[in-house]
C-alpha atoms as a PDB file:
ATOM      1  CA  MET A   1      34.665  95.850 -12.516  1.00  0.00           C
ATOM      2  CA  THR A   2      31.978  95.028 -15.096  1.00  0.00           C
ATOM      3  CA  ASP A   3      28.790  93.276 -14.053  1.00  0.00           C
ATOM      4  CA  THR A   4      28.572  90.190 -16.267  1.00  0.00           C
ATOM      5  CA  SER A   5      24.812  89.945 -15.719  1.00  0.00           C
ATOM      6  CA  ILE A   6      24.339  93.030 -17.916  1.00  0.00           C
ATOM      7  CA  LYS A   7      24.097  91.724 -21.463  1.00  0.00           C
ATOM      8  CA  ASP A   8      23.995  94.875 -23.571  1.00  0.00           C
ATOM      9  CA  PHE A   9      22.990  98.530 -23.642  1.00  0.00           C
ATOM     10  CA  GLU A  10      19.390  97.901 -24.700  1.00  0.00           C
ATOM     11  CA  ALA A  11      18.827  95.285 -22.001  1.00  0.00           C
ATOM     12  CA  ALA A  12      20.371  97.585 -19.388  1.00  0.00           C
ATOM     13  CA  ILE A  13      18.108 100.485 -20.408  1.00  0.00           C
ATOM     14  CA  ALA A  14      15.027  98.261 -20.308  1.00  0.00           C
ATOM     15  CA  GLU A  15      15.920  96.951 -16.837  1.00  0.00           C
ATOM     16  CA  LEU A  16      16.696 100.461 -15.621  1.00  0.00           C
ATOM     17  CA  GLU A  17      13.308 101.703 -16.857  1.00  0.00           C
ATOM     18  CA  GLY A  18      11.614  98.888 -14.944  1.00  0.00           C
ATOM     19  CA  ILE A  19      13.509  99.757 -11.776  1.00  0.00           C
ATOM     20  CA  VAL A  20      12.583 103.426 -12.065  1.00  0.00           C
ATOM     21  CA  LYS A  21       8.917 102.502 -12.494  1.00  0.00           C
ATOM     22  CA  LYS A  22       8.962 100.260  -9.403  1.00  0.00           C
ATOM     23  CA  LEU A  23      10.719 102.887  -7.301  1.00  0.00           C
ATOM     24  CA  GLU A  24       8.313 105.605  -8.435  1.00  0.00           C
ATOM     25  CA  GLU A  25       5.353 103.497  -7.296  1.00  0.00           C
ATOM     26  CA  GLY A  26       6.792 103.607  -3.784  1.00  0.00           C
ATOM     27  CA  ASP A  27       5.091 100.437  -2.534  1.00  0.00           C
ATOM     28  CA  LEU A  28       8.277  98.566  -1.667  1.00  0.00           C
ATOM     29  CA  PRO A  29       9.971  97.945   1.668  1.00  0.00           C
ATOM     30  CA  LEU A  30      12.990 100.160   2.248  1.00  0.00           C
ATOM     31  CA  GLU A  31      15.545  97.344   1.944  1.00  0.00           C
ATOM     32  CA  HIS A  32      14.126  96.203  -1.401  1.00  0.00           C
ATOM     33  CA  SER A  33      14.072  99.795  -2.628  1.00  0.00           C
ATOM     34  CA  MET A  34      17.733 100.161  -1.669  1.00  0.00           C
ATOM     35  CA  GLN A  35      18.634  96.972  -3.561  1.00  0.00           C
ATOM     36  CA  LEU A  36      16.810  98.226  -6.641  1.00  0.00           C
ATOM     37  CA  TYR A  37      18.510 101.609  -6.333  1.00  0.00           C
ATOM     38  CA  GLU A  38      21.943  99.952  -6.141  1.00  0.00           C
ATOM     39  CA  ARG A  39      21.156  97.872  -9.234  1.00  0.00           C
ATOM     40  CA  GLY A  40      19.979 101.025 -10.980  1.00  0.00           C
ATOM     41  CA  VAL A  41      23.295 102.713 -10.242  1.00  0.00           C
ATOM     42  CA  GLN A  42      25.161  99.720 -11.719  1.00  0.00           C
ATOM     43  CA  LEU A  43      23.011  99.839 -14.834  1.00  0.00           C
ATOM     44  CA  SER A  44      23.368 103.596 -15.159  1.00  0.00           C
ATOM     45  CA  ARG A  45      27.167 103.380 -14.923  1.00  0.00           C
ATOM     46  CA  PHE A  46      27.218 100.579 -17.490  1.00  0.00           C
ATOM     47  CA  CYS A  47      25.075 102.608 -19.910  1.00  0.00           C
ATOM     48  CA  HIS A  48      27.177 105.715 -19.413  1.00  0.00           C
ATOM     49  CA  ALA A  49      30.363 103.757 -20.140  1.00  0.00           C
ATOM     50  CA  GLN A  50      28.786 102.277 -23.275  1.00  0.00           C
ATOM     51  CA  LEU A  51      27.793 105.731 -24.508  1.00  0.00           C
ATOM     52  CA  GLU A  52      31.271 107.123 -23.843  1.00  0.00           C
ATOM     53  CA  GLU A  53      32.811 104.220 -25.761  1.00  0.00           C
ATOM     54  CA  ALA A  54      30.469 104.853 -28.701  1.00  0.00           C
ATOM     55  CA  GLU A  55      31.438 108.531 -28.662  1.00  0.00           C
ATOM     56  CA  ARG A  56      35.155 107.607 -28.699  1.00  0.00           C
ATOM     57  CA  ARG A  57      34.581 105.256 -31.619  1.00  0.00           C
ATOM     58  CA  ILE A  58      32.819 108.001 -33.571  1.00  0.00           C
ATOM     59  CA  GLU A  59      35.701 110.379 -32.924  1.00  0.00           C
ATOM     60  CA  ILE A  60      38.211 107.767 -34.108  1.00  0.00           C
ATOM     61  CA  LEU A  61      36.227 107.211 -37.295  1.00  0.00           C
ATOM     62  CA  ASN A  62      36.183 110.955 -37.903  1.00  0.00           C
ATOM     63  CA  GLU A  63      39.995 111.117 -37.615  1.00  0.00           C
ATOM     64  CA  ARG A  64      40.314 110.075 -41.250  1.00  0.00           C
ATOM     65  CA  GLY A  65      39.371 113.577 -42.153  1.00  0.00           C
ATOM     66  CA  GLU A  66      39.235 116.062 -39.360  1.00  0.00           C
ATOM     67  CA  LEU A  67      38.672 115.181 -35.707  1.00  0.00           C
ATOM     68  CA  LYS A  68      35.263 116.476 -34.702  1.00  0.00           C
ATOM     69  CA  ALA A  69      33.328 116.011 -31.521  1.00  0.00           C
ATOM     70  CA  ALA A  70      30.529 113.489 -31.830  1.00  0.00           C
ATOM     71  CA  PRO A  71      27.235 115.119 -32.856  1.00  0.00           C
ATOM     72  CA  GLY A  72      25.107 115.918 -29.828  1.00  0.00           C
ATOM     73  CA  SER A  73      27.971 115.164 -27.478  1.00  0.00           C
ATOM     74  CA  PHE A  74      26.797 113.264 -24.398  1.00  0.00           C
ATOM     75  CA  ALA A  75      28.626 115.696 -22.151  1.00  0.00           C
ATOM     76  CA  ASP A  76      26.585 118.527 -23.656  1.00  0.00           C
ATOM     77  CA  GLU A  77      23.356 116.580 -23.063  1.00  0.00           C
ATOM     78  CA  SER A  78      24.096 115.962 -19.388  1.00  0.00           C
ATOM     79  CA  GLU A  79      24.876 119.632 -18.801  1.00  0.00           C
ATOM     80  CA  ARG A  80      21.472 120.639 -20.183  1.00  0.00           C
ATOM     81  CA  GLY A  81      19.895 118.174 -17.771  1.00  0.00           C
END
């Protein structure tokens, strides 16, 4: 299920950055922190799905010649962590 309140990747990243900043400050009541955390998870999943879709599109475009993994594959990035 996609959250229709998330407009695009850039907006999701900006909102996620704001949430992280608020949570790092640590001045929020627990319940509000939990709500922000849940929203952050939604945004993170949305962004991850968008990145995977972009990677698939790059691979499809590369099929005209030879199928190659997308440069700097996102899976490789997450493993370096």
